[in-house]
Amino acid sequence: MDYYETIFKEITKQKLLKMQNATVKFYPVGNGDNALITLKDKTTIIVDCNIRNCDEGIYDVKKDLLKSIQYDNSIPYVDVFILTHGDQDHCRGFKSHFYQGDPKDYSSEDKKNNIIRVDAMWFSPMIAEESTNEDEDAYQKEAERRLELHRNNAPDKDLPGNRIRIIGYDGNKNYQDLDHLRSTPGNIVSRFNDKDQHLFSIFIHAPFKEHLENEGGDKKNSTSIVFQARFKTEAYQSNFSGLVMFGGDSDHSSWNIILDKTKRHNNEKALEWDLFLSPHHCSWSFFNERPHAKNPNPMESSLEVLDYKRRESKVIASSKTILDDDDNPPHYDAKKEYIKKVGNTNFLNTSTYNIINKVPQPIIFEVTFLGIAKPRQTEGTAKVVGTAGLGIVNSTSKYGCNEL
């Protein structure tokens, strides 16, 4: 290697080290979902929340969020909150930790308690259908407050803390007069918190109208928002550097519709993934009806969905430790089906992947020009299960190591 080649490689290395890449963080919240997407421009998107009391062995999600998000005049805020559906394990803590009401009324007491302002909400009308807990009620009430501002064309409707997007179709409640705020399956969203993104977008897969008409099964789970998060590192890229699939608690019937409609529209790129958050916390319901004993064979459509993986993709199980027992979720046979597709080292459980001082830690992926980098580790302090990288990326990211 000559002198100039050495200098060029060193300059390239230093540029890469300084580069702020997008990240996807999966919090360890037991049987529940709580993820944070952070874009290159520091835009933050929360997908569900399950903020629990920080008892022994429980990771402090709120503390980490406050370190990870931005501040506006000392007010912590997230750009977007996406609630896939209203089950308690997807919205626990919303009422206590996220601000509800007119953003102009955010008080010194709110600031003292680090209440997080949500600049823009994503709202599925299905949340209004079958409310079951106080946090879901609070999300619904706050959404209705914002929708009323837009319905009345209030002067403050577009202020941070009043913004909202409707996802999917109406059920019993009618929001047709607000269709200008609506995105439906097949739509691509690239504007977040009133700002266009050129390196990030979301393809919406579900819920479909069929979900609203379905009287059987678990309606709340089957109407979960399902989407593919798409990342680039440079605007000129023709392909995506990273693809992450989020599906809430969607079941096999939902994925069968997604698969069928996406293929019929010749849009199979929207099915590809590098990271796949296993629906319903690694439940058997993604593969077939429960209980497993009566329906032991996985649906071909669910297996086909997993075949759209790219490179050495990973499945993330946001669940408690998966044991060989009758629990569902998580379900041991579901885990085995995922492993058949991605391999043992590419199946990551948030409760066991990275443990420090007996506390599970978030699993953090970094989106690089070459793809999604494998989770970083802190040597000498963490118990790690499954440390293989994601294909072409062969070095552990150091981004944010001080967080641990």
Protein backbone atom coordinates (compact mmCIF):
# COMPACT_ATOMS: atom_id res chain seq x y z
CA MET A 1 0.00 0.00 0.00
CA ASP A 2 1.52 3.33 -1.06
CA TYR A 3 1.53 6.57 0.96
CA TYR A 4 -1.38 8.27 -0.85
CA GLU A 5 -3.60 5.20 -0.60
CA THR A 6 -2.91 5.06 3.13
CA ILE A 7 -3.81 8.74 3.55
CA PHE A 8 -7.00 8.32 1.50
CA LYS A 9 -8.12 5.37 3.58
CA GLU A 10 -7.43 7.22 6.81
CA ILE A 11 -9.41 10.28 5.66
CA THR A 12 -12.30 8.03 4.64
CA LYS A 13 -12.15 6.29 8.00
CA GLN A 14 -12.27 9.60 9.89
CA LYS A 15 -15.23 10.81 7.82
CA LEU A 16 -17.13 7.61 8.58
CA LEU A 17 -16.39 7.94 12.28
CA LYS A 18 -17.75 11.49 12.32
CA MET A 19 -20.84 10.66 10.31
CA GLN A 20 -24.14 10.70 12.19
CA ASN A 21 -26.02 7.65 10.95
CA ALA A 22 -29.65 6.80 11.53
CA THR A 23 -30.27 4.25 14.26
CA VAL A 24 -33.06 1.91 15.31
CA LYS A 25 -33.28 1.07 19.00
CA PHE A 26 -35.40 -1.75 20.41
CA TYR A 27 -35.97 -1.33 24.13
CA PRO A 28 -36.14 -4.36 26.45
CA VAL A 29 -39.68 -4.06 27.80
CA GLY A 30 -40.67 -7.68 28.42
CA ASN A 31 -43.75 -8.72 26.48
CA GLY A 32 -44.34 -5.36 24.85
CA ASP A 33 -43.04 -3.06 22.11
CA ASN A 34 -41.05 0.15 22.44
CA ALA A 35 -38.73 1.27 19.65
CA LEU A 36 -36.99 4.54 18.81
CA ILE A 37 -35.93 5.54 15.30
CA THR A 38 -33.38 8.38 15.17
CA LEU A 39 -32.65 9.86 11.75
CA LYS A 40 -29.44 11.52 10.56
CA ASP A 41 -30.90 14.98 11.22
CA LYS A 42 -31.83 13.85 14.78
CA THR A 43 -35.54 13.53 14.00
CA THR A 44 -36.97 10.96 16.43
CA ILE A 45 -39.87 8.58 15.89
CA ILE A 46 -41.24 6.44 18.72
CA VAL A 47 -43.05 3.27 17.72
CA ASP A 48 -45.24 2.20 20.66
CA CYS A 49 -44.25 2.52 24.30
CA ASN A 50 -44.22 0.23 27.30
CA ILE A 51 -42.65 2.36 30.04
CA ARG A 52 -42.75 0.39 33.28
CA ASN A 53 -41.73 1.17 36.83
CA CYS A 54 -37.97 0.78 37.13
CA ASP A 55 -37.91 -2.09 39.58
CA GLU A 56 -34.92 -4.37 39.94
CA GLY A 57 -33.88 -5.82 36.59
CA ILE A 58 -35.97 -3.39 34.51
CA TYR A 59 -34.32 -0.99 32.08
CA ASP A 60 -35.11 2.72 32.56
CA VAL A 61 -36.69 3.52 29.19
CA LYS A 62 -37.78 7.04 30.18
CA LYS A 63 -34.26 7.99 31.27
CA ASP A 64 -32.84 6.75 27.98
CA LEU A 65 -35.49 8.56 25.96
CA LEU A 66 -34.62 11.83 27.67
CA LYS A 67 -30.99 11.34 26.62
CA SER A 68 -31.90 10.34 23.07
CA ILE A 69 -34.44 12.96 21.98
CA GLN A 70 -34.17 16.70 21.31
CA TYR A 71 -35.25 19.70 23.39
CA ASP A 72 -37.12 22.87 22.51
CA ASN A 73 -36.49 25.58 25.12
CA SER A 74 -35.74 22.82 27.63
CA ILE A 75 -38.92 20.92 26.69
CA PRO A 76 -38.16 17.31 25.67
CA TYR A 77 -39.99 16.29 22.51
CA VAL A 78 -40.31 13.49 19.98
CA ASP A 79 -41.09 14.38 16.40
CA VAL A 80 -43.54 11.52 15.82
CA PHE A 81 -45.32 8.94 17.98
CA ILE A 82 -46.68 5.91 16.10
CA LEU A 83 -49.07 3.76 18.13
CA THR A 84 -49.60 0.53 16.19
CA HIS A 85 -52.66 -0.37 18.30
CA GLY A 86 -53.99 0.28 21.77
CA ASP A 87 -53.06 -2.78 23.83
CA GLN A 88 -51.58 -1.86 27.21
CA ASP A 89 -48.19 -3.38 26.39
CA HIS A 90 -47.90 -0.99 23.42
CA CYS A 91 -49.00 2.25 25.09
CA ARG A 92 -48.19 1.79 28.79
CA GLY A 93 -46.87 5.05 30.21
CA PHE A 94 -48.32 7.35 27.56
CA LYS A 95 -50.68 9.10 30.02
CA SER A 96 -47.92 9.65 32.61
CA HIS A 97 -44.89 10.46 30.47
CA PHE A 98 -46.18 12.22 27.34
CA TYR A 99 -47.85 15.62 27.30
CA GLN A 100 -51.54 15.89 26.48
CA GLY A 101 -53.30 19.19 25.82
CA ASP A 102 -52.58 22.55 24.25
CA PRO A 103 -48.77 22.80 23.83
CA LYS A 104 -49.01 26.45 24.87
CA ASP A 105 -50.09 25.27 28.32
CA TYR A 106 -46.99 23.14 28.89
CA SER A 107 -46.07 24.19 32.43
CA SER A 108 -42.97 24.51 34.58
CA GLU A 109 -44.27 21.50 36.50
CA ASP A 110 -44.42 19.51 33.25
CA LYS A 111 -40.86 20.55 32.53
CA LYS A 112 -39.77 19.57 36.04
CA ASN A 113 -41.31 16.12 35.54
CA ASN A 114 -39.70 15.75 32.08
CA ILE A 115 -43.05 15.25 30.37
CA ILE A 116 -42.33 14.59 26.69
CA ARG A 117 -44.15 16.62 24.05
CA VAL A 118 -45.33 14.68 21.01
CA ASP A 119 -45.04 17.04 18.05
CA ALA A 120 -46.97 14.78 15.65
CA MET A 121 -49.18 11.75 16.37
CA TRP A 122 -50.03 8.88 14.09
CA PHE A 123 -53.58 7.82 14.89
CA SER A 124 -55.48 4.74 13.73
CA PRO A 125 -59.29 5.13 13.92
CA MET A 126 -59.38 1.59 15.29
CA ILE A 127 -58.09 2.97 18.60
CA ALA A 128 -61.55 4.57 18.93
CA GLU A 129 -63.24 1.20 18.45
CA GLU A 130 -62.21 -0.96 21.39
CA SER A 131 -60.52 1.05 24.11
CA THR A 132 -59.36 -1.15 26.99
CA ASN A 133 -56.99 0.86 29.20
CA GLU A 134 -56.29 4.36 30.53
CA ASP A 135 -53.24 4.93 28.34
CA GLU A 136 -55.20 4.07 25.21
CA ASP A 137 -57.99 6.38 26.39
CA ALA A 138 -55.45 9.19 26.88
CA TYR A 139 -54.03 8.65 23.37
CA GLN A 140 -57.54 8.67 21.91
CA LYS A 141 -58.52 11.83 23.80
CA GLU A 142 -55.38 13.66 22.70
CA ALA A 143 -55.92 12.57 19.10
CA GLU A 144 -59.51 13.83 19.16
CA ARG A 145 -58.32 17.18 20.57
CA ARG A 146 -55.92 17.59 17.67
CA LEU A 147 -58.41 16.39 15.07
CA GLU A 148 -60.93 18.94 16.30
CA LEU A 149 -58.37 21.72 15.80
CA HIS A 150 -57.89 20.62 12.20
CA ARG A 151 -61.62 20.14 11.70
CA ASN A 152 -62.20 23.73 12.79
CA ASN A 153 -59.14 25.01 10.90
CA ALA A 154 -57.84 26.52 14.14
CA PRO A 155 -54.87 28.89 13.77
CA ASP A 156 -52.71 26.68 16.00
CA LYS A 157 -53.53 23.37 14.30
CA ASP A 158 -50.10 23.02 12.70
CA LEU A 159 -48.03 23.93 15.75
CA PRO A 160 -45.69 21.28 17.19
CA GLY A 161 -47.83 19.40 19.69
CA ASN A 162 -50.99 19.73 17.58
CA ARG A 163 -49.96 17.83 14.45
CA ILE A 164 -51.60 14.51 13.57
CA ARG A 165 -51.86 11.96 10.77
CA ILE A 166 -54.72 9.47 10.40
CA ILE A 167 -53.59 5.98 9.39
CA GLY A 168 -56.02 3.62 7.70
CA TYR A 169 -59.77 3.65 7.41
CA ASP A 170 -62.65 4.65 9.67
CA GLY A 171 -64.70 2.22 11.70
CA ASN A 172 -67.64 3.45 13.74
CA LYS A 173 -66.32 7.00 13.93
CA ASN A 174 -66.23 9.12 10.82
CA TYR A 175 -63.20 11.24 9.96
CA GLN A 176 -63.93 11.66 6.24
CA ASP A 177 -63.85 15.43 6.56
CA LEU A 178 -60.18 15.05 7.54
CA ASP A 179 -59.04 12.93 4.61
CA HIS A 180 -56.32 15.47 3.84
CA LEU A 181 -54.62 14.18 7.02
CA ARG A 182 -54.99 10.52 6.07
CA SER A 183 -52.55 7.89 4.80
CA THR A 184 -53.76 4.43 3.78
CA PRO A 185 -52.14 1.11 2.81
CA GLY A 186 -49.96 1.56 -0.24
CA ASN A 187 -49.07 5.14 0.64
CA ILE A 188 -45.47 6.24 1.19
CA VAL A 189 -44.94 8.89 3.85
CA SER A 190 -41.76 10.97 3.67
CA ARG A 191 -42.85 14.03 5.66
CA PHE A 192 -42.49 13.82 9.42
CA ASN A 193 -43.31 16.58 11.90
CA ASP A 194 -43.85 19.07 9.08
CA LYS A 195 -40.44 18.33 7.56
CA ASP A 196 -39.64 16.49 4.33
CA GLN A 197 -37.16 13.64 4.62
CA HIS A 198 -35.01 12.62 1.66
CA LEU A 199 -33.23 9.73 3.36
CA PHE A 200 -36.16 8.14 5.19
CA SER A 201 -39.70 7.10 4.38
CA ILE A 202 -42.40 4.73 5.55
CA PHE A 203 -44.47 2.40 3.35
CA ILE A 204 -47.82 1.69 5.00
CA HIS A 205 -49.04 -1.90 4.70
CA ALA A 206 -52.02 -2.08 7.05
CA PRO A 207 -54.68 -1.96 8.38
CA PHE A 208 -56.89 -2.71 5.38
CA LYS A 209 -60.65 -2.24 5.03
CA GLU A 210 -61.00 -6.01 5.34
CA HIS A 211 -59.74 -5.71 8.89
CA LEU A 212 -62.63 -3.44 9.82
CA GLU A 213 -65.17 -5.86 8.41
CA ASN A 214 -63.70 -8.92 10.12
CA GLU A 215 -65.94 -9.96 13.02
CA GLY A 216 -63.88 -12.94 14.12
CA GLY A 217 -60.54 -13.28 15.90
CA ASP A 218 -58.73 -10.56 17.81
CA LYS A 219 -59.88 -7.42 16.01
CA LYS A 220 -57.54 -5.08 17.87
CA ASN A 221 -54.44 -7.10 17.00
CA SER A 222 -55.49 -7.74 13.40
CA THR A 223 -55.95 -4.01 12.84
CA SER A 224 -52.43 -3.08 13.97
CA ILE A 225 -50.57 -0.54 11.87
CA VAL A 226 -47.99 -2.43 9.81
CA PHE A 227 -45.24 -0.55 7.98
CA GLN A 228 -41.85 -0.85 6.33
CA ALA A 229 -39.33 1.79 7.45
CA ARG A 230 -36.95 2.69 4.61
CA PHE A 231 -33.51 4.20 5.12
CA LYS A 232 -30.94 5.70 2.77
CA THR A 233 -27.63 7.27 3.68
CA GLU A 234 -27.35 9.35 0.50
CA ALA A 235 -30.18 10.85 -1.56
CA TYR A 236 -28.75 9.54 -4.85
CA GLN A 237 -29.05 5.88 -3.80
CA SER A 238 -31.38 3.79 -5.95
CA ASN A 239 -31.63 1.08 -3.29
CA PHE A 240 -32.27 1.34 0.42
CA SER A 241 -29.45 0.90 2.93
CA GLY A 242 -31.84 -0.44 5.53
CA LEU A 243 -35.37 -1.84 5.69
CA VAL A 244 -37.15 -2.49 8.99
CA MET A 245 -40.57 -4.11 9.28
CA PHE A 246 -42.87 -3.16 12.16
CA GLY A 247 -46.15 -5.00 12.64
CA GLY A 248 -47.52 -4.45 16.14
CA ASP A 249 -49.56 -7.54 17.07
CA SER A 250 -50.68 -8.34 13.51
CA ASP A 251 -51.59 -11.97 12.95
CA HIS A 252 -51.17 -14.44 10.08
CA SER A 253 -54.44 -13.39 8.45
CA SER A 254 -53.26 -9.77 8.30
CA TRP A 255 -49.96 -10.79 6.75
CA ASN A 256 -51.74 -12.98 4.23
CA ILE A 257 -53.68 -9.91 3.03
CA ILE A 258 -50.51 -7.81 3.01
CA LEU A 259 -48.65 -10.43 0.99
CA ASP A 260 -51.48 -10.91 -1.50
CA LYS A 261 -52.20 -7.23 -2.13
CA THR A 262 -48.54 -6.21 -2.32
CA LYS A 263 -47.76 -8.94 -4.86
CA ARG A 264 -50.86 -8.15 -6.93
CA HIS A 265 -49.70 -4.55 -7.18
CA ASN A 266 -46.25 -5.74 -8.31
CA ASN A 267 -44.66 -3.98 -5.35
CA GLU A 268 -42.72 -6.79 -3.74
CA LYS A 269 -39.88 -4.42 -2.79
CA ALA A 270 -42.23 -3.25 -0.05
CA LEU A 271 -42.03 -6.72 1.50
CA GLU A 272 -38.24 -6.80 1.82
CA TRP A 273 -36.59 -6.44 5.22
CA ASP A 274 -33.29 -6.45 7.05
CA LEU A 275 -34.85 -6.30 10.52
CA PHE A 276 -38.19 -7.90 11.29
CA LEU A 277 -39.84 -7.13 14.63
CA SER A 278 -41.66 -10.38 15.32
CA PRO A 279 -45.39 -9.59 15.63
CA HIS A 280 -47.09 -10.00 18.99
CA HIS A 281 -43.84 -10.63 20.85
CA CYS A 282 -42.91 -13.84 19.03
CA SER A 283 -46.42 -15.26 19.28
CA TRP A 284 -47.55 -18.28 17.28
CA SER A 285 -50.36 -16.05 15.94
CA PHE A 286 -48.02 -14.79 13.19
CA PHE A 287 -47.78 -18.35 11.85
CA ASN A 288 -51.26 -19.73 12.52
CA GLU A 289 -54.22 -19.69 14.89
CA ARG A 290 -53.63 -20.30 18.55
CA PRO A 291 -53.31 -22.65 20.35
CA HIS A 292 -50.33 -24.19 18.63
CA ALA A 293 -51.41 -27.70 19.67
CA LYS A 294 -54.50 -27.45 17.45
CA ASN A 295 -52.75 -25.61 14.59
CA PRO A 296 -49.13 -26.81 14.58
CA ASN A 297 -48.33 -26.08 10.94
CA PRO A 298 -47.25 -22.57 9.92
CA MET A 299 -49.17 -20.91 7.11
CA GLU A 300 -47.31 -20.80 3.81
CA SER A 301 -48.08 -17.09 3.49
CA SER A 302 -46.30 -16.31 6.77
CA LEU A 303 -43.27 -18.33 5.74
CA GLU A 304 -43.23 -16.52 2.39
CA VAL A 305 -43.22 -13.14 4.15
CA LEU A 306 -40.04 -14.17 5.94
CA ASP A 307 -38.46 -15.18 2.63
CA TYR A 308 -38.29 -11.50 1.64
CA LYS A 309 -35.32 -11.05 3.97
CA ARG A 310 -32.21 -9.42 2.53
CA ARG A 311 -28.66 -10.57 3.21
CA GLU A 312 -28.26 -12.01 6.72
CA SER A 313 -31.31 -10.31 8.15
CA LYS A 314 -32.35 -10.47 11.78
CA VAL A 315 -35.56 -11.15 13.63
CA ILE A 316 -36.08 -9.18 16.84
CA ALA A 317 -38.30 -10.71 19.54
CA SER A 318 -39.47 -7.95 21.88
CA SER A 319 -40.55 -10.29 24.63
CA LYS A 320 -39.61 -11.90 27.89
CA THR A 321 -37.12 -14.76 27.79
CA ILE A 322 -38.35 -17.46 25.42
CA LEU A 323 -38.50 -20.84 27.14
CA ASP A 324 -39.56 -24.27 25.92
CA ASP A 325 -42.95 -24.16 27.63
CA ASP A 326 -46.61 -23.44 26.84
CA ASP A 327 -46.37 -19.64 27.00
CA ASN A 328 -47.78 -17.78 24.01
CA PRO A 329 -46.46 -15.11 23.67
CA PRO A 330 -43.59 -15.64 23.40
CA HIS A 331 -43.88 -19.07 21.85
CA TYR A 332 -40.99 -21.48 21.57
CA ASP A 333 -42.18 -23.06 18.31
CA ALA A 334 -42.55 -19.60 16.77
CA LYS A 335 -38.93 -18.93 17.69
CA LYS A 336 -37.93 -22.18 15.99
CA GLU A 337 -39.71 -21.16 12.78
CA TYR A 338 -37.91 -17.80 12.73
CA ILE A 339 -34.57 -19.52 13.33
CA LYS A 340 -35.21 -21.83 10.38
CA LYS A 341 -35.32 -18.70 8.21
CA VAL A 342 -32.52 -16.56 9.63
CA GLY A 343 -30.34 -18.88 11.73
CA ASN A 344 -29.84 -19.00 15.48
CA THR A 345 -27.37 -16.11 15.69
CA ASN A 346 -29.69 -13.81 13.75
CA PHE A 347 -32.61 -14.28 16.14
CA LEU A 348 -32.34 -11.69 18.92
CA ASN A 349 -34.47 -11.55 22.07
CA THR A 350 -34.53 -8.17 23.84
CA SER A 351 -34.59 -9.85 27.26
CA THR A 352 -31.43 -11.88 26.72
CA TYR A 353 -29.30 -10.32 24.00
CA ASN A 354 -27.31 -7.82 26.05
CA ILE A 355 -27.38 -7.84 29.85
CA ILE A 356 -25.41 -5.46 32.07
CA ASN A 357 -25.55 -5.75 35.85
CA LYS A 358 -28.51 -8.11 35.48
CA VAL A 359 -30.47 -5.53 33.46
CA PRO A 360 -31.34 -6.16 29.77
CA GLN A 361 -30.14 -3.34 27.49
CA PRO A 362 -31.58 -1.93 24.25
CA ILE A 363 -30.57 -3.54 20.97
CA ILE A 364 -29.31 -0.74 18.72
CA PHE A 365 -28.74 -1.00 14.98
CA GLU A 366 -26.99 1.63 12.87
CA VAL A 367 -27.83 2.27 9.22
CA THR A 368 -24.63 2.67 7.21
CA PHE A 369 -23.97 3.13 3.50
CA LEU A 370 -23.18 -0.58 3.31
CA GLY A 371 -26.28 -1.70 5.18
CA ILE A 372 -27.48 -2.16 8.74
CA ALA A 373 -24.63 -2.66 11.17
CA LYS A 374 -24.81 -5.31 13.83
CA PRO A 375 -25.56 -4.23 17.41
CA ARG A 376 -22.65 -2.82 19.34
CA GLN A 377 -21.39 -4.45 22.52
CA THR A 378 -19.59 -3.21 25.60
CA GLU A 379 -16.80 -5.70 26.16
CA GLY A 380 -16.32 -7.19 29.58
CA THR A 381 -19.68 -6.10 30.99
CA ALA A 382 -22.39 -7.69 28.88
CA LYS A 383 -23.71 -11.18 28.53
CA VAL A 384 -24.40 -11.52 24.82
CA VAL A 385 -26.50 -14.08 22.99
CA GLY A 386 -26.16 -14.17 19.20
CA THR A 387 -23.47 -11.71 18.16
CA ALA A 388 -23.24 -12.30 14.44
CA GLY A 389 -23.23 -9.27 12.18
CA LEU A 390 -25.60 -8.40 9.41
CA GLY A 391 -23.86 -9.76 6.35
CA ILE A 392 -21.66 -7.14 4.71
CA VAL A 393 -21.07 -5.09 7.85
CA ASN A 394 -18.27 -6.77 9.74
CA SER A 395 -17.38 -4.35 12.52
CA THR A 396 -19.31 -3.43 15.64
CA SER A 397 -20.61 0.14 15.78
CA LYS A 398 -19.35 2.38 18.60
CA TYR A 399 -22.19 4.87 18.19
CA GLY A 400 -23.58 5.94 21.53
CA CYS A 401 -21.51 3.54 23.61
CA ASN A 402 -21.60 5.89 26.57
CA GLU A 403 -25.33 5.27 26.86
CA LEU A 404 -24.65 1.92 28.44
